[in-house]
Amino acid sequence: MNRFGLQLRQCGCGQIVDHAAGQVRLAPERDSAAGLAWRTGDGDYRHIGAAPPGAQTIPPTIEDGYLLLIGDGARAGIG
């Protein structure tokens, strides 16, 4: 995986998905404590980042893992 032409990490797709395990959840309201969040087509908010205690997490996608791995760079691109 690279960012701006710099090698950040060498890993497979499964490892990227695994990186996001336990850090993805859906909720009807936006959680300002989430690292990133967006409204889905179903109207829920998809949150990625550290889940609060007791939160119901969902299986991550490769995109979730990638956004977590690139970190602050992902947040900087969201307006």
PDB file of N, CA and C in Angstrom:
ATOM      1  N   MET A   1       0.846  -1.154   0.000  1.00  0.00           N
ATOM      2  CA  MET A   1       0.000   0.000   0.000  1.00  0.00           C
ATOM      3  C   MET A   1       0.897   1.224   0.000  1.00  0.00           C
ATOM      4  N   ASN A   2       0.565   2.207  -0.834  1.00  0.00           N
ATOM      5  CA  ASN A   2       1.357   3.427  -0.819  1.00  0.00           C
ATOM      6  C   ASN A   2       0.451   4.646  -0.783  1.00  0.00           C
ATOM      7  N   ARG A   3       1.025   5.721  -0.363  1.00  0.00           N
ATOM      8  CA  ARG A   3       0.313   6.996  -0.278  1.00  0.00           C
ATOM      9  C   ARG A   3       1.272   8.071  -0.742  1.00  0.00           C
ATOM     10  N   PHE A   4       0.857   8.844  -1.722  1.00  0.00           N
ATOM     11  CA  PHE A   4       1.693   9.890  -2.298  1.00  0.00           C
ATOM     12  C   PHE A   4       3.019   9.321  -2.778  1.00  0.00           C
ATOM     13  N   GLY A   5       2.983   8.084  -3.289  1.00  0.00           N
ATOM     14  CA  GLY A   5       4.171   7.455  -3.823  1.00  0.00           C
ATOM     15  C   GLY A   5       5.099   6.835  -2.791  1.00  0.00           C
ATOM     16  N   LEU A   6       4.739   6.900  -1.514  1.00  0.00           N
ATOM     17  CA  LEU A   6       5.569   6.317  -0.463  1.00  0.00           C
ATOM     18  C   LEU A   6       4.980   4.986  -0.023  1.00  0.00           C
ATOM     19  N   GLN A   7       5.823   3.986   0.097  1.00  0.00           N
ATOM     20  CA  GLN A   7       5.379   2.669   0.566  1.00  0.00           C
ATOM     21  C   GLN A   7       5.035   2.768   2.047  1.00  0.00           C
ATOM     22  N   LEU A   8       3.766   2.525   2.389  1.00  0.00           N
ATOM     23  CA  LEU A   8       3.349   2.571   3.787  1.00  0.00           C
ATOM     24  C   LEU A   8       3.383   1.198   4.430  1.00  0.00           C
ATOM     25  N   ARG A   9       2.957   0.218   3.674  1.00  0.00           N
ATOM     26  CA  ARG A   9       2.822  -1.112   4.250  1.00  0.00           C
ATOM     27  C   ARG A   9       2.707  -2.112   3.115  1.00  0.00           C
ATOM     28  N   GLN A  10       3.285  -3.261   3.311  1.00  0.00           N
ATOM     29  CA  GLN A  10       3.132  -4.329   2.340  1.00  0.00           C
ATOM     30  C   GLN A  10       2.233  -5.376   2.977  1.00  0.00           C
ATOM     31  N   CYS A  11       1.040  -5.515   2.424  1.00  0.00           N
ATOM     32  CA  CYS A  11       0.101  -6.474   2.988  1.00  0.00           C
ATOM     33  C   CYS A  11      -0.919  -6.862   1.933  1.00  0.00           C
ATOM     34  N   GLY A  12      -1.616  -7.943   2.204  1.00  0.00           N
ATOM     35  CA  GLY A  12      -2.639  -8.422   1.292  1.00  0.00           C
ATOM     36  C   GLY A  12      -4.002  -7.842   1.624  1.00  0.00           C
ATOM     37  N   CYS A  13      -4.948  -8.064   0.743  1.00  0.00           N
ATOM     38  CA  CYS A  13      -6.306  -7.548   0.930  1.00  0.00           C
ATOM     39  C   CYS A  13      -6.930  -8.043   2.235  1.00  0.00           C
ATOM     40  N   GLY A  14      -6.735  -9.308   2.561  1.00  0.00           N
ATOM     41  CA  GLY A  14      -7.290  -9.861   3.788  1.00  0.00           C
ATOM     42  C   GLY A  14      -6.749  -9.165   5.022  1.00  0.00           C
ATOM     43  N   GLN A  15      -5.475  -8.810   4.996  1.00  0.00           N
ATOM     44  CA  GLN A  15      -4.874  -8.110   6.133  1.00  0.00           C
ATOM     45  C   GLN A  15      -5.437  -6.696   6.272  1.00  0.00           C
ATOM     46  N   ILE A  16      -5.741  -6.064   5.160  1.00  0.00           N
ATOM     47  CA  ILE A  16      -6.333  -4.723   5.207  1.00  0.00           C
ATOM     48  C   ILE A  16      -7.727  -4.800   5.832  1.00  0.00           C
ATOM     49  N   VAL A  17      -8.518  -5.785   5.419  1.00  0.00           N
ATOM     50  CA  VAL A  17      -9.853  -5.980   5.991  1.00  0.00           C
ATOM     51  C   VAL A  17      -9.727  -6.308   7.479  1.00  0.00           C
ATOM     52  N   ASP A  18      -8.820  -7.200   7.827  1.00  0.00           N
ATOM     53  CA  ASP A  18      -8.627  -7.587   9.232  1.00  0.00           C
ATOM     54  C   ASP A  18      -8.260  -6.391  10.111  1.00  0.00           C
ATOM     55  N   HIS A  19      -7.543  -5.442   9.547  1.00  0.00           N
ATOM     56  CA  HIS A  19      -7.143  -4.255  10.302  1.00  0.00           C
ATOM     57  C   HIS A  19      -8.363  -3.474  10.817  1.00  0.00           C
ATOM     58  N   ALA A  20      -9.475  -3.538  10.090  1.00  0.00           N
ATOM     59  CA  ALA A  20     -10.677  -2.791  10.465  1.00  0.00           C
ATOM     60  C   ALA A  20     -11.650  -3.598  11.325  1.00  0.00           C
ATOM     61  N   ALA A  21     -11.339  -4.855  11.589  1.00  0.00           N
ATOM     62  CA  ALA A  21     -12.252  -5.698  12.383  1.00  0.00           C
ATOM     63  C   ALA A  21     -12.544  -5.048  13.729  1.00  0.00           C
ATOM     64  N   GLY A  22     -13.816  -5.002  14.096  1.00  0.00           N
ATOM     65  CA  GLY A  22     -14.230  -4.422  15.366  1.00  0.00           C
ATOM     66  C   GLY A  22     -14.260  -2.904  15.389  1.00  0.00           C
ATOM     67  N   GLN A  23     -14.055  -2.275  14.229  1.00  0.00           N
ATOM     68  CA  GLN A  23     -14.000  -0.813  14.165  1.00  0.00           C
ATOM     69  C   GLN A  23     -15.012  -0.211  13.197  1.00  0.00           C
ATOM     70  N   VAL A  24     -16.000  -1.003  12.784  1.00  0.00           N
ATOM     71  CA  VAL A  24     -17.004  -0.523  11.828  1.00  0.00           C
ATOM     72  C   VAL A  24     -18.382  -0.770  12.413  1.00  0.00           C
ATOM     73  N   ARG A  25     -19.236   0.233  12.357  1.00  0.00           N
ATOM     74  CA  ARG A  25     -20.584   0.081  12.888  1.00  0.00           C
ATOM     75  C   ARG A  25     -21.561   0.979  12.135  1.00  0.00           C
ATOM     76  N   LEU A  26     -22.829   0.626  12.205  1.00  0.00           N
ATOM     77  CA  LEU A  26     -23.905   1.430  11.635  1.00  0.00           C
ATOM     78  C   LEU A  26     -24.732   1.999  12.777  1.00  0.00           C
ATOM     79  N   ALA A  27     -25.253   3.198  12.589  1.00  0.00           N
ATOM     80  CA  ALA A  27     -26.105   3.822  13.597  1.00  0.00           C
ATOM     81  C   ALA A  27     -27.032   4.813  12.902  1.00  0.00           C
ATOM     82  N   PRO A  28     -28.188   5.073  13.499  1.00  0.00           N
ATOM     83  CA  PRO A  28     -29.118   6.024  12.892  1.00  0.00           C
ATOM     84  C   PRO A  28     -28.672   7.479  13.017  1.00  0.00           C
ATOM     85  N   GLU A  29     -27.755   7.767  13.949  1.00  0.00           N
ATOM     86  CA  GLU A  29     -27.262   9.128  14.166  1.00  0.00           C
ATOM     87  C   GLU A  29     -25.751   9.181  13.985  1.00  0.00           C
ATOM     88  N   ARG A  30     -25.239  10.339  13.626  1.00  0.00           N
ATOM     89  CA  ARG A  30     -23.793  10.550  13.459  1.00  0.00           C
ATOM     90  C   ARG A  30     -23.140  10.605  14.833  1.00  0.00           C
ATOM     91  N   ASP A  31     -22.064   9.855  15.008  1.00  0.00           N
ATOM     92  CA  ASP A  31     -21.273   9.857  16.237  1.00  0.00           C
ATOM     93  C   ASP A  31     -20.047  10.720  15.991  1.00  0.00           C
ATOM     94  N   SER A  32     -19.974  11.867  16.632  1.00  0.00           N
ATOM     95  CA  SER A  32     -18.863  12.800  16.405  1.00  0.00           C
ATOM     96  C   SER A  32     -17.521  12.238  16.877  1.00  0.00           C
ATOM     97  N   ALA A  33     -17.552  11.199  17.707  1.00  0.00           N
ATOM     98  CA  ALA A  33     -16.313  10.585  18.182  1.00  0.00           C
ATOM     99  C   ALA A  33     -15.719   9.614  17.161  1.00  0.00           C
ATOM    100  N   ALA A  34     -16.477   9.268  16.128  1.00  0.00           N
ATOM    101  CA  ALA A  34     -15.987   8.326  15.113  1.00  0.00           C
ATOM    102  C   ALA A  34     -14.889   8.984  14.284  1.00  0.00           C
ATOM    103  N   GLY A  35     -13.921   8.183  13.882  1.00  0.00           N
ATOM    104  CA  GLY A  35     -12.846   8.691  13.037  1.00  0.00           C
ATOM    105  C   GLY A  35     -13.375   9.232  11.725  1.00  0.00           C
ATOM    106  N   LEU A  36     -14.226   8.477  11.075  1.00  0.00           N
ATOM    107  CA  LEU A  36     -14.883   8.872   9.825  1.00  0.00           C
ATOM    108  C   LEU A  36     -16.306   8.343   9.857  1.00  0.00           C
ATOM    109  N   ALA A  37     -17.211   9.044   9.206  1.00  0.00           N
ATOM    110  CA  ALA A  37     -18.593   8.577   9.109  1.00  0.00           C
ATOM    111  C   ALA A  37     -19.239   9.181   7.878  1.00  0.00           C
ATOM    112  N   TRP A  38     -20.161   8.452   7.306  1.00  0.00           N
ATOM    113  CA  TRP A  38     -20.933   8.955   6.178  1.00  0.00           C
ATOM    114  C   TRP A  38     -22.287   8.280   6.184  1.00  0.00           C
ATOM    115  N   ARG A  39     -23.260   8.930   5.553  1.00  0.00           N
ATOM    116  CA  ARG A  39     -24.609   8.388   5.469  1.00  0.00           C
ATOM    117  C   ARG A  39     -24.670   7.387   4.321  1.00  0.00           C
ATOM    118  N   THR A  40     -25.239   6.234   4.600  1.00  0.00           N
ATOM    119  CA  THR A  40     -25.376   5.190   3.585  1.00  0.00           C
ATOM    120  C   THR A  40     -26.666   5.394   2.794  1.00  0.00           C
ATOM    121  N   GLY A  41     -26.847   4.621   1.764  1.00  0.00           N
ATOM    122  CA  GLY A  41     -28.075   4.673   0.971  1.00  0.00           C
ATOM    123  C   GLY A  41     -29.312   4.291   1.755  1.00  0.00           C
ATOM    124  N   ASP A  42     -29.134   3.558   2.849  1.00  0.00           N
ATOM    125  CA  ASP A  42     -30.263   3.164   3.700  1.00  0.00           C
ATOM    126  C   ASP A  42     -30.600   4.225   4.743  1.00  0.00           C
ATOM    127  N   GLY A  43     -29.823   5.301   4.810  1.00  0.00           N
ATOM    128  CA  GLY A  43     -30.086   6.376   5.759  1.00  0.00           C
ATOM    129  C   GLY A  43     -29.323   6.270   7.065  1.00  0.00           C
ATOM    130  N   ASP A  44     -28.666   5.142   7.312  1.00  0.00           N
ATOM    131  CA  ASP A  44     -27.847   5.008   8.518  1.00  0.00           C
ATOM    132  C   ASP A  44     -26.490   5.658   8.291  1.00  0.00           C
ATOM    133  N   TYR A  45     -25.766   5.884   9.367  1.00  0.00           N
ATOM    134  CA  TYR A  45     -24.389   6.366   9.285  1.00  0.00           C
ATOM    135  C   TYR A  45     -23.446   5.188   9.462  1.00  0.00           C
ATOM    136  N   ARG A  46     -22.473   5.103   8.578  1.00  0.00           N
ATOM    137  CA  ARG A  46     -21.415   4.094   8.698  1.00  0.00           C
ATOM    138  C   ARG A  46     -20.241   4.781   9.381  1.00  0.00           C
ATOM    139  N   HIS A  47     -19.857   4.282  10.540  1.00  0.00           N
ATOM    140  CA  HIS A  47     -18.767   4.844  11.326  1.00  0.00           C
ATOM    141  C   HIS A  47     -17.568   3.905  11.273  1.00  0.00           C
ATOM    142  N   ILE A  48     -16.379   4.463  11.103  1.00  0.00           N
ATOM    143  CA  ILE A  48     -15.170   3.657  11.231  1.00  0.00           C
ATOM    144  C   ILE A  48     -14.246   4.344  12.222  1.00  0.00           C
ATOM    145  N   GLY A  49     -13.559   3.547  12.976  1.00  0.00           N
ATOM    146  CA  GLY A  49     -12.681   4.025  14.038  1.00  0.00           C
ATOM    147  C   GLY A  49     -13.018   3.264  15.308  1.00  0.00           C
ATOM    148  N   ALA A  50     -12.370   3.611  16.378  1.00  0.00           N
ATOM    149  CA  ALA A  50     -12.586   2.914  17.648  1.00  0.00           C
ATOM    150  C   ALA A  50     -14.062   2.968  18.040  1.00  0.00           C
ATOM    151  N   ALA A  51     -14.637   1.805  18.251  1.00  0.00           N
ATOM    152  CA  ALA A  51     -16.057   1.718  18.625  1.00  0.00           C
ATOM    153  C   ALA A  51     -16.203   1.931  20.126  1.00  0.00           C
ATOM    154  N   PRO A  52     -17.267   2.633  20.540  1.00  0.00           N
ATOM    155  CA  PRO A  52     -17.482   2.805  21.980  1.00  0.00           C
ATOM    156  C   PRO A  52     -17.829   1.469  22.638  1.00  0.00           C
ATOM    157  N   PRO A  53     -17.621   1.350  23.933  1.00  0.00           N
ATOM    158  CA  PRO A  53     -17.944   0.100  24.627  1.00  0.00           C
ATOM    159  C   PRO A  53     -19.402  -0.301  24.395  1.00  0.00           C
ATOM    160  N   GLY A  54     -19.602  -1.570  24.090  1.00  0.00           N
ATOM    161  CA  GLY A  54     -20.941  -2.107  23.880  1.00  0.00           C
ATOM    162  C   GLY A  54     -21.519  -1.877  22.495  1.00  0.00           C
ATOM    163  N   ALA A  55     -20.796  -1.189  21.623  1.00  0.00           N
ATOM    164  CA  ALA A  55     -21.303  -0.932  20.275  1.00  0.00           C
ATOM    165  C   ALA A  55     -21.371  -2.220  19.471  1.00  0.00           C
ATOM    166  N   GLN A  56     -22.397  -2.339  18.656  1.00  0.00           N
ATOM    167  CA  GLN A  56     -22.566  -3.491  17.768  1.00  0.00           C
ATOM    168  C   GLN A  56     -21.773  -3.211  16.492  1.00  0.00           C
ATOM    169  N   THR A  57     -20.710  -3.968  16.252  1.00  0.00           N
ATOM    170  CA  THR A  57     -19.903  -3.763  15.052  1.00  0.00           C
ATOM    171  C   THR A  57     -20.389  -4.670  13.931  1.00  0.00           C
ATOM    172  N   ILE A  58     -19.991  -4.321  12.714  1.00  0.00           N
ATOM    173  CA  ILE A  58     -20.354  -5.088  11.524  1.00  0.00           C
ATOM    174  C   ILE A  58     -19.078  -5.506  10.803  1.00  0.00           C
ATOM    175  N   PRO A  59     -19.177  -6.476   9.905  1.00  0.00           N
ATOM    176  CA  PRO A  59     -17.978  -6.890   9.160  1.00  0.00           C
ATOM    177  C   PRO A  59     -17.428  -5.730   8.313  1.00  0.00           C
ATOM    178  N   PRO A  60     -16.133  -5.526   8.348  1.00  0.00           N
ATOM    179  CA  PRO A  60     -15.534  -4.438   7.568  1.00  0.00           C
ATOM    180  C   PRO A  60     -15.358  -4.816   6.101  1.00  0.00           C
ATOM    181  N   THR A  61     -15.173  -3.796   5.290  1.00  0.00           N
ATOM    182  CA  THR A  61     -14.826  -3.977   3.881  1.00  0.00           C
ATOM    183  C   THR A  61     -13.361  -3.584   3.698  1.00  0.00           C
ATOM    184  N   ILE A  62     -12.834  -3.853   2.538  1.00  0.00           N
ATOM    185  CA  ILE A  62     -11.457  -3.442   2.264  1.00  0.00           C
ATOM    186  C   ILE A  62     -11.340  -1.919   2.307  1.00  0.00           C
ATOM    187  N   GLU A  63     -12.397  -1.215   1.899  1.00  0.00           N
ATOM    188  CA  GLU A  63     -12.368   0.243   1.933  1.00  0.00           C
ATOM    189  C   GLU A  63     -12.262   0.770   3.367  1.00  0.00           C
ATOM    190  N   ASP A  64     -12.979   0.122   4.290  1.00  0.00           N
ATOM    191  CA  ASP A  64     -12.884   0.515   5.702  1.00  0.00           C
ATOM    192  C   ASP A  64     -11.446   0.379   6.196  1.00  0.00           C
ATOM    193  N   GLY A  65     -10.833  -0.758   5.903  1.00  0.00           N
ATOM    194  CA  GLY A  65      -9.460  -0.990   6.330  1.00  0.00           C
ATOM    195  C   GLY A  65      -8.499   0.004   5.717  1.00  0.00           C
ATOM    196  N   TYR A  66      -8.687   0.290   4.440  1.00  0.00           N
ATOM    197  CA  TYR A  66      -7.808   1.239   3.758  1.00  0.00           C
ATOM    198  C   TYR A  66      -7.935   2.625   4.392  1.00  0.00           C
ATOM    199  N   LEU A  67      -9.169   3.079   4.645  1.00  0.00           N
ATOM    200  CA  LEU A  67      -9.355   4.396   5.262  1.00  0.00           C
ATOM    201  C   LEU A  67      -8.719   4.462   6.645  1.00  0.00           C
ATOM    202  N   LEU A  68      -8.812   3.376   7.407  1.00  0.00           N
ATOM    203  CA  LEU A  68      -8.165   3.361   8.725  1.00  0.00           C
ATOM    204  C   LEU A  68      -6.644   3.389   8.594  1.00  0.00           C
ATOM    205  N   LEU A  69      -6.113   2.698   7.607  1.00  0.00           N
ATOM    206  CA  LEU A  69      -4.658   2.660   7.437  1.00  0.00           C
ATOM    207  C   LEU A  69      -4.084   3.993   6.986  1.00  0.00           C
ATOM    208  N   ILE A  70      -4.816   4.728   6.153  1.00  0.00           N
ATOM    209  CA  ILE A  70      -4.262   6.004   5.698  1.00  0.00           C
ATOM    210  C   ILE A  70      -4.542   7.112   6.701  1.00  0.00           C
ATOM    211  N   GLY A  71      -5.417   6.855   7.666  1.00  0.00           N
ATOM    212  CA  GLY A  71      -5.608   7.738   8.815  1.00  0.00           C
ATOM    213  C   GLY A  71      -5.984   9.167   8.497  1.00  0.00           C
ATOM    214  N   ASP A  72      -5.195  10.101   9.014  1.00  0.00           N
ATOM    215  CA  ASP A  72      -5.515  11.524   8.908  1.00  0.00           C
ATOM    216  C   ASP A  72      -5.620  11.987   7.459  1.00  0.00           C
ATOM    217  N   GLY A  73      -4.956  11.332   6.558  1.00  0.00           N
ATOM    218  CA  GLY A  73      -5.056  11.696   5.148  1.00  0.00           C
ATOM    219  C   GLY A  73      -6.469  11.521   4.624  1.00  0.00           C
ATOM    220  N   ALA A  74      -7.192  10.529   5.131  1.00  0.00           N
ATOM    221  CA  ALA A  74      -8.573  10.320   4.721  1.00  0.00           C
ATOM    222  C   ALA A  74      -9.459  11.442   5.251  1.00  0.00           C
ATOM    223  N   ARG A  75      -9.247  11.826   6.496  1.00  0.00           N
ATOM    224  CA  ARG A  75     -10.059  12.889   7.098  1.00  0.00           C
ATOM    225  C   ARG A  75      -9.799  14.231   6.421  1.00  0.00           C
ATOM    226  N   ALA A  76      -8.577  14.482   6.004  1.00  0.00           N
ATOM    227  CA  ALA A  76      -8.247  15.754   5.374  1.00  0.00           C
ATOM    228  C   ALA A  76      -8.958  15.915   4.035  1.00  0.00           C
ATOM    229  N   GLY A  77      -9.276  14.798   3.379  1.00  0.00           N
ATOM    230  CA  GLY A  77      -9.931  14.872   2.075  1.00  0.00           C
ATOM    231  C   GLY A  77     -11.439  15.000   2.141  1.00  0.00           C
ATOM    232  N   ILE A  78     -12.016  14.955   3.331  1.00  0.00           N
ATOM    233  CA  ILE A  78     -13.459  15.048   3.472  1.00  0.00           C
ATOM    234  C   ILE A  78     -13.817  16.489   3.780  1.00  0.00           C
ATOM    235  N   GLY A  79     -14.675  17.088   2.972  1.00  0.00           N
ATOM    236  CA  GLY A  79     -15.044  18.482   3.182  1.00  0.00           C
ATOM    237  C   GLY A  79     -16.333  18.583   3.774  1.00  0.00           C
TER     238      GLY A  79
END
